Amino acid sequence: MEELLESLIKMVGRANQKVDCLQVRVRQLERFIRENHLEVRERSPFQMYS
C-alpha cells in the first residue's frame, strides 16, 4: 500500500510539473501573439479596426 501511495504522489508531481510547463508555454505564446499583432498594426499602411 505504501509503495502505491508513493507512486501516486510521484505521478501527481510529474503531472503538476507538466501543467506548469504548459502554462509557461501558453503565456509565452500569448505574449508573442500580442507583440506580433502590435508590430503588424504599427507597420500596416491601413488602419485596422478590431
Protein backbone atom coordinates (compact mmCIF):
# COMPACT_ATOMS: atom_id res chain seq x y z
CA MET A 1 0.00 0.00 0.00
CA GLU A 2 2.84 2.38 0.88
CA GLU A 3 4.50 1.79 -2.50
CA LEU A 4 1.25 2.53 -4.31
CA LEU A 5 0.85 5.79 -2.40
CA GLU A 6 4.43 6.83 -3.18
CA SER A 7 3.89 6.01 -6.83
CA LEU A 8 0.68 8.06 -6.90
CA ILE A 9 2.42 11.04 -5.28
CA LYS A 10 5.20 10.88 -7.88
CA MET A 11 2.66 10.69 -10.71
CA VAL A 12 0.76 13.71 -9.40
CA GLY A 13 4.02 15.63 -9.01
CA ARG A 14 5.02 14.90 -12.61
CA ALA A 15 1.56 15.87 -13.83
CA ASN A 16 1.74 19.18 -11.94
CA GLN A 17 5.18 19.86 -13.38
CA LYS A 18 3.88 19.24 -16.92
CA VAL A 19 0.94 21.59 -16.30
CA ASP A 20 3.33 24.27 -15.03
CA CYS A 21 5.49 23.89 -18.14
CA LEU A 22 2.43 24.07 -20.35
CA GLN A 23 1.24 27.24 -18.61
CA VAL A 24 4.63 28.86 -19.19
CA ARG A 25 4.49 27.97 -22.89
CA VAL A 26 0.94 29.32 -23.21
CA ARG A 27 1.99 32.62 -21.60
CA GLN A 28 4.96 32.85 -23.97
CA LEU A 29 2.71 32.22 -26.96
CA GLU A 30 0.17 34.80 -25.79
CA ARG A 31 2.93 37.39 -25.34
CA PHE A 32 4.33 36.61 -28.80
CA ILE A 33 0.89 36.98 -30.39
CA ARG A 34 0.25 40.32 -28.65
CA GLU A 35 3.68 41.70 -29.62
CA ASN A 36 3.38 40.44 -33.18
CA HIS A 37 -0.12 41.92 -33.52
CA LEU A 38 1.14 45.30 -32.31
CA GLU A 39 4.04 45.24 -34.77
CA VAL A 40 1.74 44.41 -37.66
CA ARG A 41 -0.63 47.24 -36.71
CA GLU A 42 2.26 49.72 -36.45
CA ARG A 43 3.66 48.78 -39.86
CA SER A 44 0.37 48.50 -41.67
CA PRO A 45 -0.44 51.38 -44.03
CA PHE A 46 -4.14 50.77 -43.38
CA GLN A 47 -5.91 51.41 -40.12
CA MET A 48 -7.02 48.10 -38.64
CA TYR A 49 -10.27 48.14 -36.71
CA SER A 50 -10.88 45.40 -34.17
